[in-house]
């Protein structure tokens, strides 16, 4: 197991299907190194203290996954349990291309289209997996990889504009599951909330 996959070992174990877990590991192996090193916010303005500094983006991602796993234990969200694997997969991968797919682009600042860039990564990995006969099967009657991309592409919720041009560059949330993924990401970015490990120790 490489460092990239090992970093998310606990989160990957929340994905019940072994083929889907292997696919997300494949995606992580293709993520640029900077993702594992940079803070969640390039300016420090928009994320809590635990997600700043070295490895902050990883800690933000872990927090979003932890929030999702906890919320999915509530009766009000049991309707999403059949696609839990896709939700966890999307949250692990949602910010993997925040500053570019192949390197630290855009001066290190967040790219407005980073959800779509992450989807491109997932699709490329899906094509590679299919060529090797390893593409995961459907989830709840839907194509797993397509659903993961659908959830990643809308994780920014209402913030769909390009930061500079103010043009709409991201798709609108429409489904309950899209809104759920956005909610988890949003809560993980709130300065008034601190997410820790279950024993109260800081996320690593």
N, C-alpha and C. Protein backbone atom coordinates (compact mmCIF):
# COMPACT_ATOMS: atom_id res chain seq x y z
N UNK A 1 0.85 -1.20 0.00
CA UNK A 1 0.00 0.00 0.00
C UNK A 1 0.88 1.25 0.00
N UNK A 2 0.65 2.16 -0.95
CA UNK A 2 1.48 3.36 -1.04
C UNK A 2 1.05 4.39 0.00
N UNK A 3 1.86 5.43 0.14
CA UNK A 3 1.55 6.49 1.11
C UNK A 3 0.22 7.14 0.80
N UNK A 4 -0.08 7.34 -0.49
CA UNK A 4 -1.31 8.02 -0.86
C UNK A 4 -2.54 7.23 -0.42
N UNK A 5 -2.53 5.96 -0.68
CA UNK A 5 -3.66 5.12 -0.27
C UNK A 5 -3.68 4.94 1.24
N UNK A 6 -2.51 4.78 1.83
CA UNK A 6 -2.42 4.59 3.28
C UNK A 6 -2.97 5.78 4.04
N UNK A 7 -2.81 6.98 3.48
CA UNK A 7 -3.31 8.20 4.12
C UNK A 7 -4.81 8.11 4.38
N UNK A 8 -5.52 7.46 3.48
CA UNK A 8 -6.97 7.36 3.60
C UNK A 8 -7.44 5.93 3.90
N UNK A 9 -6.60 5.18 4.60
CA UNK A 9 -6.93 3.79 4.88
C UNK A 9 -8.24 3.67 5.66
N UNK A 10 -8.42 4.48 6.68
CA UNK A 10 -9.64 4.40 7.49
C UNK A 10 -10.87 4.79 6.67
N UNK A 11 -10.73 5.83 5.87
CA UNK A 11 -11.86 6.29 5.06
C UNK A 11 -12.22 5.26 3.99
N UNK A 12 -11.21 4.65 3.39
CA UNK A 12 -11.46 3.64 2.36
C UNK A 12 -12.22 2.44 2.93
N UNK A 13 -11.96 2.12 4.19
CA UNK A 13 -12.63 0.97 4.80
C UNK A 13 -14.12 1.22 5.01
N UNK A 14 -14.57 2.46 4.90
CA UNK A 14 -15.99 2.77 4.98
C UNK A 14 -16.72 2.40 3.69
N UNK A 15 -15.95 2.17 2.61
CA UNK A 15 -16.53 1.71 1.35
C UNK A 15 -16.67 0.20 1.43
N UNK A 16 -17.89 -0.28 1.41
CA UNK A 16 -18.14 -1.69 1.69
C UNK A 16 -17.71 -2.62 0.56
N UNK A 17 -17.91 -2.20 -0.67
CA UNK A 17 -17.60 -3.05 -1.82
C UNK A 17 -16.10 -2.99 -2.14
N UNK A 18 -15.47 -4.15 -2.21
CA UNK A 18 -14.02 -4.21 -2.41
C UNK A 18 -13.59 -3.63 -3.76
N UNK A 19 -14.38 -3.83 -4.81
CA UNK A 19 -14.02 -3.29 -6.13
C UNK A 19 -14.08 -1.76 -6.12
N UNK A 20 -15.06 -1.21 -5.45
CA UNK A 20 -15.16 0.25 -5.37
C UNK A 20 -14.02 0.81 -4.53
N UNK A 21 -13.68 0.11 -3.47
CA UNK A 21 -12.56 0.53 -2.62
C UNK A 21 -11.27 0.53 -3.42
N UNK A 22 -11.07 -0.50 -4.21
CA UNK A 22 -9.87 -0.60 -5.05
C UNK A 22 -9.85 0.52 -6.08
N UNK A 23 -11.03 0.86 -6.62
CA UNK A 23 -11.09 1.93 -7.62
C UNK A 23 -10.71 3.28 -7.03
N UNK A 24 -11.22 3.59 -5.84
CA UNK A 24 -10.87 4.86 -5.20
C UNK A 24 -9.38 4.90 -4.89
N UNK A 25 -8.81 3.77 -4.51
CA UNK A 25 -7.36 3.69 -4.30
C UNK A 25 -6.62 3.99 -5.60
N UNK A 26 -7.12 3.47 -6.71
CA UNK A 26 -6.53 3.75 -8.02
C UNK A 26 -6.55 5.25 -8.30
N UNK A 27 -7.68 5.88 -8.02
CA UNK A 27 -7.80 7.33 -8.22
C UNK A 27 -6.79 8.08 -7.36
N UNK A 28 -6.69 7.70 -6.09
CA UNK A 28 -5.76 8.37 -5.18
C UNK A 28 -4.32 8.25 -5.66
N UNK A 29 -3.98 7.11 -6.24
CA UNK A 29 -2.62 6.91 -6.75
C UNK A 29 -2.31 7.86 -7.90
N UNK A 30 -3.35 8.38 -8.55
CA UNK A 30 -3.17 9.29 -9.68
C UNK A 30 -3.34 10.76 -9.31
N UNK A 31 -3.50 11.03 -8.04
CA UNK A 31 -3.64 12.41 -7.56
C UNK A 31 -2.26 13.03 -7.41
N UNK A 32 -2.14 14.30 -7.79
CA UNK A 32 -0.86 15.01 -7.68
C UNK A 32 -0.41 15.09 -6.23
N UNK A 33 0.89 15.07 -6.01
CA UNK A 33 1.46 15.03 -4.66
C UNK A 33 1.02 16.21 -3.80
N UNK A 34 0.84 17.37 -4.40
CA UNK A 34 0.55 18.56 -3.59
C UNK A 34 -0.69 18.40 -2.73
N UNK A 35 -1.68 17.62 -3.22
CA UNK A 35 -2.93 17.44 -2.48
C UNK A 35 -2.66 16.96 -1.06
N UNK A 36 -1.64 16.14 -0.88
CA UNK A 36 -1.33 15.55 0.41
C UNK A 36 -0.50 16.48 1.30
N UNK A 37 -0.18 17.65 0.80
CA UNK A 37 0.73 18.54 1.52
C UNK A 37 0.14 19.91 1.86
N UNK A 38 -0.80 20.40 1.06
CA UNK A 38 -1.22 21.79 1.19
C UNK A 38 -2.36 21.97 2.19
N UNK A 39 -2.58 23.22 2.65
CA UNK A 39 -3.74 23.50 3.50
C UNK A 39 -5.03 23.46 2.71
N UNK A 40 -6.16 23.36 3.40
CA UNK A 40 -7.46 23.33 2.73
C UNK A 40 -7.79 24.68 2.10
N UNK A 41 -7.30 25.75 2.69
CA UNK A 41 -7.55 27.09 2.17
C UNK A 41 -6.23 27.76 1.86
N UNK A 42 -6.07 28.22 0.63
CA UNK A 42 -4.81 28.87 0.24
C UNK A 42 -4.63 30.21 0.93
N UNK A 43 -5.73 30.83 1.33
CA UNK A 43 -5.66 32.15 1.99
C UNK A 43 -5.86 32.06 3.50
N UNK A 44 -6.37 30.93 3.97
CA UNK A 44 -6.65 30.79 5.40
C UNK A 44 -7.97 31.38 5.82
N UNK A 45 -8.75 31.89 4.86
CA UNK A 45 -9.99 32.59 5.20
C UNK A 45 -11.19 31.67 5.37
N UNK A 46 -11.21 30.57 4.67
CA UNK A 46 -12.47 29.86 4.51
C UNK A 46 -12.55 28.49 5.17
N UNK A 47 -11.58 28.11 5.96
CA UNK A 47 -11.61 26.81 6.62
C UNK A 47 -11.14 26.93 8.07
N UNK A 48 -11.54 25.98 8.92
CA UNK A 48 -11.15 26.03 10.33
C UNK A 48 -9.66 25.75 10.53
N UNK A 49 -9.19 26.04 11.72
CA UNK A 49 -7.76 25.97 12.00
C UNK A 49 -7.19 24.57 11.78
N UNK A 50 -7.95 23.54 12.12
CA UNK A 50 -7.40 22.19 12.00
C UNK A 50 -7.10 21.80 10.55
N UNK A 51 -7.71 22.50 9.59
CA UNK A 51 -7.48 22.15 8.19
C UNK A 51 -6.50 23.11 7.50
N UNK A 52 -5.80 23.91 8.30
CA UNK A 52 -4.77 24.79 7.74
C UNK A 52 -3.40 24.15 7.95
N UNK A 53 -2.39 24.73 7.33
CA UNK A 53 -1.03 24.21 7.49
C UNK A 53 -0.79 22.94 6.70
N UNK A 54 0.38 22.35 6.90
CA UNK A 54 0.79 21.15 6.18
C UNK A 54 -0.25 20.04 6.33
N UNK A 55 -0.71 19.51 5.20
CA UNK A 55 -1.67 18.41 5.23
C UNK A 55 -3.09 18.81 5.55
N UNK A 56 -3.37 20.11 5.56
CA UNK A 56 -4.70 20.58 5.94
C UNK A 56 -5.81 20.13 5.01
N UNK A 57 -5.51 20.03 3.71
CA UNK A 57 -6.54 19.60 2.75
C UNK A 57 -6.92 18.14 2.99
N UNK A 58 -5.96 17.33 3.36
CA UNK A 58 -6.24 15.94 3.72
C UNK A 58 -7.14 15.89 4.95
N UNK A 59 -6.82 16.71 5.97
CA UNK A 59 -7.63 16.70 7.19
C UNK A 59 -9.05 17.19 6.91
N UNK A 60 -9.20 18.18 6.04
CA UNK A 60 -10.53 18.64 5.64
C UNK A 60 -11.30 17.49 4.99
N UNK A 61 -10.64 16.77 4.12
CA UNK A 61 -11.28 15.65 3.43
C UNK A 61 -11.71 14.59 4.42
N UNK A 62 -10.84 14.25 5.35
CA UNK A 62 -11.18 13.27 6.37
C UNK A 62 -12.37 13.73 7.20
N UNK A 63 -12.42 15.02 7.51
CA UNK A 63 -13.53 15.56 8.29
C UNK A 63 -14.84 15.43 7.54
N UNK A 64 -14.82 15.73 6.25
CA UNK A 64 -16.05 15.63 5.44
C UNK A 64 -16.55 14.19 5.41
N UNK A 65 -15.64 13.24 5.28
CA UNK A 65 -16.02 11.83 5.27
C UNK A 65 -16.57 11.43 6.63
N UNK A 66 -15.94 11.88 7.70
CA UNK A 66 -16.40 11.54 9.05
C UNK A 66 -17.80 12.11 9.30
N UNK A 67 -18.04 13.32 8.86
CA UNK A 67 -19.36 13.94 9.01
C UNK A 67 -20.40 13.12 8.25
N UNK A 68 -20.07 12.73 7.02
CA UNK A 68 -21.01 11.92 6.23
C UNK A 68 -21.33 10.60 6.92
N UNK A 69 -20.30 9.94 7.42
CA UNK A 69 -20.51 8.64 8.05
C UNK A 69 -21.40 8.76 9.29
N UNK A 70 -21.26 9.85 10.02
CA UNK A 70 -22.09 10.08 11.20
C UNK A 70 -23.52 10.43 10.81
N UNK A 71 -23.69 11.30 9.83
CA UNK A 71 -25.03 11.70 9.42
C UNK A 71 -25.81 10.52 8.85
N UNK A 72 -25.12 9.61 8.18
CA UNK A 72 -25.79 8.47 7.57
C UNK A 72 -26.31 7.48 8.60
N UNK A 73 -25.99 7.69 9.86
CA UNK A 73 -26.53 6.85 10.93
C UNK A 73 -27.88 7.37 11.42
N UNK A 74 -28.28 8.55 10.95
CA UNK A 74 -29.56 9.12 11.35
C UNK A 74 -30.69 8.57 10.48
N UNK A 75 -31.84 8.36 11.09
CA UNK A 75 -32.98 7.83 10.35
C UNK A 75 -33.36 8.70 9.16
N UNK A 76 -33.16 10.01 9.29
CA UNK A 76 -33.57 10.92 8.22
C UNK A 76 -32.75 10.74 6.94
N UNK A 77 -31.61 10.07 7.05
CA UNK A 77 -30.75 9.87 5.88
C UNK A 77 -30.63 8.40 5.47
N UNK A 78 -31.44 7.53 6.05
CA UNK A 78 -31.31 6.10 5.72
C UNK A 78 -31.60 5.82 4.25
N UNK A 79 -32.35 6.68 3.60
CA UNK A 79 -32.63 6.49 2.17
C UNK A 79 -31.39 6.57 1.31
N UNK A 80 -30.30 7.13 1.87
CA UNK A 80 -29.06 7.26 1.12
C UNK A 80 -28.12 6.07 1.34
N UNK A 81 -28.45 5.20 2.27
CA UNK A 81 -27.54 4.09 2.59
C UNK A 81 -27.23 3.18 1.40
N UNK A 82 -28.17 2.94 0.48
CA UNK A 82 -27.83 2.09 -0.66
C UNK A 82 -26.71 2.65 -1.54
N UNK A 83 -26.48 3.97 -1.47
CA UNK A 83 -25.40 4.56 -2.28
C UNK A 83 -24.29 5.13 -1.39
N UNK A 84 -24.20 4.63 -0.17
CA UNK A 84 -23.17 5.13 0.75
C UNK A 84 -21.78 5.02 0.15
N UNK A 85 -21.49 3.91 -0.54
CA UNK A 85 -20.16 3.75 -1.15
C UNK A 85 -19.83 4.90 -2.10
N UNK A 86 -20.81 5.33 -2.89
CA UNK A 86 -20.59 6.42 -3.84
C UNK A 86 -20.39 7.74 -3.11
N UNK A 87 -21.14 7.95 -2.04
CA UNK A 87 -21.02 9.19 -1.25
C UNK A 87 -19.63 9.28 -0.61
N UNK A 88 -19.19 8.22 0.03
CA UNK A 88 -17.87 8.21 0.65
C UNK A 88 -16.78 8.36 -0.40
N UNK A 89 -16.93 7.68 -1.52
CA UNK A 89 -15.95 7.78 -2.62
C UNK A 89 -15.84 9.22 -3.10
N UNK A 90 -16.99 9.86 -3.31
CA UNK A 90 -17.00 11.24 -3.82
C UNK A 90 -16.35 12.19 -2.83
N UNK A 91 -16.60 12.00 -1.54
CA UNK A 91 -16.03 12.90 -0.55
C UNK A 91 -14.52 12.70 -0.40
N UNK A 92 -14.05 11.47 -0.54
CA UNK A 92 -12.60 11.25 -0.51
C UNK A 92 -11.93 11.96 -1.68
N UNK A 93 -12.59 11.99 -2.82
CA UNK A 93 -11.97 12.51 -4.05
C UNK A 93 -12.35 13.94 -4.40
N UNK A 94 -13.27 14.56 -3.66
CA UNK A 94 -13.88 15.81 -4.14
C UNK A 94 -12.91 16.96 -4.32
N UNK A 95 -11.88 17.05 -3.50
CA UNK A 95 -10.93 18.18 -3.59
C UNK A 95 -9.55 17.76 -4.09
N UNK A 96 -9.45 16.59 -4.68
CA UNK A 96 -8.13 16.08 -5.07
C UNK A 96 -7.45 16.91 -6.15
N UNK A 97 -8.22 17.73 -6.86
CA UNK A 97 -7.64 18.56 -7.93
C UNK A 97 -7.89 20.03 -7.65
N UNK A 98 -7.87 20.40 -6.41
CA UNK A 98 -8.27 21.76 -6.01
C UNK A 98 -7.43 22.84 -6.68
N UNK A 99 -6.15 22.56 -6.87
CA UNK A 99 -5.27 23.52 -7.54
C UNK A 99 -4.68 22.94 -8.82
N UNK A 100 -5.41 22.03 -9.45
CA UNK A 100 -4.95 21.44 -10.71
C UNK A 100 -4.78 19.94 -10.59
N UNK A 101 -4.84 19.27 -11.72
CA UNK A 101 -4.77 17.81 -11.72
C UNK A 101 -3.36 17.28 -11.65
N UNK A 102 -2.45 17.88 -12.38
CA UNK A 102 -1.11 17.30 -12.50
C UNK A 102 -0.05 18.00 -11.66
N UNK A 103 -0.39 19.16 -11.11
CA UNK A 103 0.58 19.88 -10.30
C UNK A 103 -0.08 21.06 -9.62
N UNK A 104 0.73 21.81 -8.93
CA UNK A 104 0.24 22.96 -8.17
C UNK A 104 0.08 24.14 -9.11
N UNK A 105 -1.11 24.25 -9.73
CA UNK A 105 -1.36 25.25 -10.75
C UNK A 105 -2.08 26.47 -10.16
N UNK A 106 -2.31 27.48 -11.01
CA UNK A 106 -3.09 28.66 -10.61
C UNK A 106 -2.47 29.37 -9.41
N UNK A 107 -1.14 29.34 -9.31
CA UNK A 107 -0.47 30.01 -8.21
C UNK A 107 -0.80 29.41 -6.86
N UNK A 108 -1.30 28.19 -6.87
CA UNK A 108 -1.66 27.56 -5.61
C UNK A 108 -3.05 27.89 -5.13
N UNK A 109 -3.75 28.77 -5.84
CA UNK A 109 -5.10 29.14 -5.44
C UNK A 109 -6.10 28.10 -5.95
N UNK A 110 -7.26 28.07 -5.30
CA UNK A 110 -8.31 27.14 -5.70
C UNK A 110 -8.79 27.45 -7.11
N UNK A 111 -8.91 26.44 -7.94
CA UNK A 111 -9.44 26.60 -9.29
C UNK A 111 -10.96 26.44 -9.22
N UNK A 112 -11.68 27.38 -9.82
CA UNK A 112 -13.14 27.36 -9.76
C UNK A 112 -13.73 26.06 -10.30
N UNK A 113 -13.08 25.51 -11.28
CA UNK A 113 -13.58 24.29 -11.92
C UNK A 113 -12.98 23.01 -11.32
N UNK A 114 -12.40 23.10 -10.12
CA UNK A 114 -11.73 21.92 -9.57
C UNK A 114 -12.65 20.70 -9.41
N UNK A 115 -13.97 20.87 -9.18
CA UNK A 115 -14.82 19.67 -9.15
C UNK A 115 -14.85 18.95 -10.50
N UNK A 116 -14.87 19.71 -11.58
CA UNK A 116 -14.90 19.11 -12.92
C UNK A 116 -13.56 18.46 -13.26
N UNK A 117 -12.48 19.07 -12.78
CA UNK A 117 -11.16 18.50 -13.01
C UNK A 117 -11.04 17.17 -12.27
N UNK A 118 -11.58 17.12 -11.05
CA UNK A 118 -11.58 15.87 -10.30
C UNK A 118 -12.41 14.80 -11.01
N UNK A 119 -13.51 15.23 -11.62
CA UNK A 119 -14.34 14.29 -12.39
C UNK A 119 -13.56 13.74 -13.58
N UNK A 120 -12.76 14.59 -14.22
CA UNK A 120 -11.92 14.12 -15.33
C UNK A 120 -10.95 13.04 -14.85
N UNK A 121 -10.40 13.24 -13.66
CA UNK A 121 -9.50 12.25 -13.07
C UNK A 121 -10.24 10.92 -12.86
N UNK A 122 -11.43 11.00 -12.28
CA UNK A 122 -12.22 9.79 -12.03
C UNK A 122 -12.55 9.08 -13.34
N UNK A 123 -12.94 9.84 -14.35
CA UNK A 123 -13.30 9.24 -15.64
C UNK A 123 -12.10 8.56 -16.29
N UNK A 124 -10.93 9.20 -16.20
CA UNK A 124 -9.72 8.62 -16.77
C UNK A 124 -9.37 7.31 -16.06
N UNK A 125 -9.50 7.31 -14.74
CA UNK A 125 -9.23 6.10 -13.98
C UNK A 125 -10.26 5.02 -14.29
N UNK A 126 -11.52 5.44 -14.52
CA UNK A 126 -12.57 4.48 -14.87
C UNK A 126 -12.27 3.83 -16.21
N UNK A 127 -11.78 4.60 -17.17
CA UNK A 127 -11.43 4.05 -18.48
C UNK A 127 -10.27 3.06 -18.36
N UNK A 128 -9.28 3.42 -17.54
CA UNK A 128 -8.14 2.53 -17.33
C UNK A 128 -8.59 1.23 -16.65
N UNK A 129 -9.47 1.38 -15.65
CA UNK A 129 -9.96 0.20 -14.93
C UNK A 129 -10.77 -0.70 -15.85
N UNK A 130 -11.60 -0.08 -16.71
CA UNK A 130 -12.42 -0.86 -17.65
C UNK A 130 -11.53 -1.64 -18.62
N UNK A 131 -10.44 -1.00 -19.06
CA UNK A 131 -9.52 -1.66 -20.00
C UNK A 131 -8.86 -2.88 -19.36
N UNK A 132 -8.77 -2.85 -18.03
CA UNK A 132 -8.15 -3.96 -17.31
C UNK A 132 -9.20 -4.89 -16.70
N UNK A 133 -10.47 -4.63 -17.02
CA UNK A 133 -11.55 -5.48 -16.52
C UNK A 133 -11.82 -5.29 -15.05
N UNK A 134 -11.51 -4.09 -14.52
CA UNK A 134 -11.65 -3.86 -13.08
C UNK A 134 -12.61 -2.73 -12.74
N UNK A 135 -13.38 -2.24 -13.70
CA UNK A 135 -14.31 -1.15 -13.40
C UNK A 135 -15.42 -1.66 -12.49
N UNK A 136 -15.71 -0.93 -11.39
CA UNK A 136 -16.76 -1.38 -10.46
C UNK A 136 -18.12 -1.46 -11.13
N UNK A 137 -18.93 -2.39 -10.65
CA UNK A 137 -20.28 -2.58 -11.18
C UNK A 137 -21.24 -1.51 -10.70
N UNK A 138 -22.49 -1.60 -11.11
CA UNK A 138 -23.51 -0.59 -10.76
C UNK A 138 -23.74 -0.50 -9.26
N UNK A 139 -24.27 0.64 -8.84
CA UNK A 139 -24.66 0.83 -7.45
C UNK A 139 -26.10 1.30 -7.43
N UNK A 140 -26.96 0.52 -6.82
CA UNK A 140 -28.38 0.83 -6.74
C UNK A 140 -28.98 1.11 -8.13
N UNK A 141 -28.54 0.32 -9.12
CA UNK A 141 -29.07 0.43 -10.47
C UNK A 141 -28.46 1.53 -11.32
N UNK A 142 -27.43 2.19 -10.81
CA UNK A 142 -26.79 3.28 -11.56
C UNK A 142 -25.30 2.97 -11.74
N UNK A 143 -24.71 3.58 -12.76
CA UNK A 143 -23.28 3.42 -12.97
C UNK A 143 -22.54 4.09 -11.82
N UNK A 144 -21.71 3.33 -11.13
CA UNK A 144 -21.03 3.83 -9.94
C UNK A 144 -20.14 5.03 -10.24
N UNK A 145 -19.30 4.93 -11.27
CA UNK A 145 -18.36 6.02 -11.57
C UNK A 145 -19.11 7.29 -11.99
N UNK A 146 -20.18 7.14 -12.75
CA UNK A 146 -20.97 8.30 -13.15
C UNK A 146 -21.59 8.97 -11.94
N UNK A 147 -22.09 8.17 -11.00
CA UNK A 147 -22.69 8.75 -9.80
C UNK A 147 -21.66 9.48 -8.96
N UNK A 148 -20.48 8.90 -8.81
CA UNK A 148 -19.41 9.56 -8.06
C UNK A 148 -19.09 10.92 -8.69
N UNK A 149 -19.00 10.97 -10.01
CA UNK A 149 -18.73 12.24 -10.70
C UNK A 149 -19.87 13.24 -10.51
N UNK A 150 -21.09 12.73 -10.54
CA UNK A 150 -22.25 13.60 -10.33
C UNK A 150 -22.19 14.27 -8.95
N UNK A 151 -21.76 13.51 -7.96
CA UNK A 151 -21.68 14.04 -6.60
C UNK A 151 -20.49 15.00 -6.44
N UNK A 152 -19.39 14.68 -7.06
CA UNK A 152 -18.21 15.55 -6.98
C UNK A 152 -18.48 16.88 -7.69
N UNK A 153 -19.12 16.82 -8.86
CA UNK A 153 -19.28 18.01 -9.70
C UNK A 153 -20.10 19.10 -9.05
N UNK A 154 -20.97 18.73 -8.09
CA UNK A 154 -21.85 19.72 -7.46
C UNK A 154 -21.52 19.95 -6.00
N UNK A 155 -20.35 19.50 -5.54
CA UNK A 155 -20.07 19.60 -4.11
C UNK A 155 -19.90 21.03 -3.62
N UNK A 156 -19.72 21.97 -4.54
CA UNK A 156 -19.59 23.38 -4.14
C UNK A 156 -20.95 24.04 -3.87
N UNK A 157 -22.02 23.31 -4.15
CA UNK A 157 -23.35 23.84 -3.84
C UNK A 157 -23.68 25.11 -4.59
N UNK A 158 -24.04 26.16 -3.85
CA UNK A 158 -24.47 27.41 -4.47
C UNK A 158 -23.32 28.21 -5.06
N UNK A 159 -22.09 27.86 -4.72
CA UNK A 159 -20.93 28.60 -5.21
C UNK A 159 -20.47 28.02 -6.54
N UNK A 160 -21.15 28.40 -7.57
CA UNK A 160 -20.96 27.82 -8.90
C UNK A 160 -20.23 28.75 -9.86
N UNK A 161 -19.91 29.95 -9.43
CA UNK A 161 -19.32 30.95 -10.33
C UNK A 161 -17.80 30.84 -10.37
N UNK A 162 -17.24 31.21 -11.53
CA UNK A 162 -15.80 31.40 -11.62
C UNK A 162 -15.42 32.59 -10.75
N UNK A 163 -14.33 32.46 -9.98
CA UNK A 163 -13.96 33.50 -9.03
C UNK A 163 -13.67 34.84 -9.71
N UNK A 164 -13.18 34.78 -10.93
CA UNK A 164 -12.78 36.01 -11.62
C UNK A 164 -13.83 36.53 -12.59
N UNK A 165 -14.33 35.64 -13.45
CA UNK A 165 -15.27 36.09 -14.48
C UNK A 165 -16.70 36.19 -13.99
N UNK A 166 -17.00 35.51 -12.87
CA UNK A 166 -18.35 35.47 -12.29
C UNK A 166 -19.34 34.70 -13.18
N UNK A 167 -18.82 33.98 -14.16
CA UNK A 167 -19.68 33.12 -14.98
C UNK A 167 -19.95 31.81 -14.27
N UNK A 168 -21.13 31.24 -14.49
CA UNK A 168 -21.46 29.94 -13.92
C UNK A 168 -20.65 28.86 -14.61
N UNK A 169 -19.86 28.15 -13.86
CA UNK A 169 -19.00 27.13 -14.46
C UNK A 169 -19.27 25.73 -13.90
N UNK A 170 -20.08 25.65 -12.84
CA UNK A 170 -20.36 24.36 -12.22
C UNK A 170 -21.84 24.03 -12.30
N UNK A 171 -22.19 22.76 -12.39
CA UNK A 171 -23.60 22.38 -12.47
C UNK A 171 -24.34 22.62 -11.17
N UNK A 172 -25.64 22.71 -11.27
CA UNK A 172 -26.50 22.96 -10.11
C UNK A 172 -26.86 21.65 -9.41
N UNK A 173 -26.92 21.68 -8.09
CA UNK A 173 -27.40 20.52 -7.34
C UNK A 173 -28.87 20.29 -7.65
N UNK A 174 -29.23 19.03 -7.84
CA UNK A 174 -30.63 18.70 -8.11
C UNK A 174 -31.14 17.57 -7.22
N UNK A 175 -30.28 16.64 -6.87
CA UNK A 175 -30.73 15.46 -6.15
C UNK A 175 -30.42 15.56 -4.65
N UNK A 176 -31.12 14.73 -3.90
CA UNK A 176 -30.92 14.67 -2.45
C UNK A 176 -29.48 14.29 -2.12
N UNK A 177 -28.93 13.35 -2.88
CA UNK A 177 -27.57 12.90 -2.59
C UNK A 177 -26.53 13.98 -2.92
N UNK A 178 -26.77 14.76 -3.94
CA UNK A 178 -25.86 15.88 -4.25
C UNK A 178 -25.87 16.89 -3.12
N UNK A 179 -27.05 17.19 -2.63
CA UNK A 179 -27.17 18.16 -1.53
C UNK A 179 -26.53 17.62 -0.26
N UNK A 180 -26.62 16.32 -0.04
CA UNK A 180 -26.00 15.72 1.13
C UNK A 180 -24.48 15.85 1.09
N UNK A 181 -23.88 15.55 -0.06
CA UNK A 181 -22.42 15.66 -0.20
C UNK A 181 -21.98 17.11 0.00
N UNK A 182 -22.71 18.04 -0.57
CA UNK A 182 -22.38 19.45 -0.35
C UNK A 182 -22.48 19.81 1.12
N UNK A 183 -23.51 19.34 1.80
CA UNK A 183 -23.68 19.63 3.23
C UNK A 183 -22.48 19.14 4.03
N UNK A 184 -22.02 17.94 3.75
CA UNK A 184 -20.87 17.39 4.48
C UNK A 184 -19.62 18.22 4.24
N UNK A 185 -19.38 18.60 2.99
CA UNK A 185 -18.23 19.44 2.66
C UNK A 185 -18.35 20.80 3.33
N UNK A 186 -19.56 21.36 3.30
CA UNK A 186 -19.80 22.68 3.90
C UNK A 186 -19.53 22.64 5.41
N UNK A 187 -20.06 21.64 6.09
CA UNK A 187 -19.85 21.55 7.54
C UNK A 187 -18.38 21.37 7.88
N UNK A 188 -17.66 20.63 7.05
CA UNK A 188 -16.23 20.42 7.29
C UNK A 188 -15.41 21.69 7.10
N UNK A 189 -16.00 22.69 6.46
CA UNK A 189 -15.27 23.94 6.20
C UNK A 189 -15.67 25.06 7.15
N UNK A 190 -16.56 24.79 8.10
CA UNK A 190 -17.03 25.85 9.00
C UNK A 190 -16.03 26.10 10.12
N UNK A 191 -15.69 27.36 10.32
CA UNK A 191 -14.73 27.72 11.35
C UNK A 191 -15.26 27.49 12.76
N UNK A 192 -16.57 27.44 12.90
CA UNK A 192 -17.17 27.26 14.23
C UNK A 192 -17.20 25.79 14.65
N UNK A 193 -16.79 24.88 13.76
CA UNK A 193 -16.82 23.45 14.06
C UNK A 193 -15.41 22.86 14.02
N UNK A 194 -15.11 22.02 14.99
CA UNK A 194 -13.85 21.29 14.99
C UNK A 194 -14.14 19.81 14.95
N UNK A 195 -13.55 19.12 14.00
CA UNK A 195 -13.73 17.68 13.86
C UNK A 195 -12.47 16.98 14.34
N UNK A 196 -12.64 15.95 15.17
CA UNK A 196 -11.50 15.19 15.70
C UNK A 196 -11.71 13.71 15.41
N UNK A 197 -10.73 12.91 15.76
CA UNK A 197 -10.92 11.47 15.74
C UNK A 197 -11.94 11.10 16.82
N UNK A 198 -12.44 9.89 16.78
CA UNK A 198 -13.48 9.47 17.72
C UNK A 198 -13.00 9.55 19.18
N UNK A 199 -11.69 9.42 19.40
CA UNK A 199 -11.16 9.48 20.76
C UNK A 199 -10.79 10.90 21.18
N UNK A 200 -11.11 11.88 20.32
CA UNK A 200 -10.85 13.28 20.65
C UNK A 200 -9.50 13.79 20.23
N UNK A 201 -8.65 12.93 19.68
CA UNK A 201 -7.34 13.38 19.22
C UNK A 201 -7.48 14.09 17.86
N UNK A 202 -6.54 14.97 17.53
CA UNK A 202 -6.63 15.71 16.26
C UNK A 202 -6.56 14.79 15.05
N UNK A 203 -7.23 15.18 13.99
CA UNK A 203 -7.13 14.45 12.73
C UNK A 203 -5.70 14.53 12.22
N UNK A 204 -5.26 13.46 11.58
CA UNK A 204 -3.91 13.46 10.99
C UNK A 204 -3.99 13.34 9.48
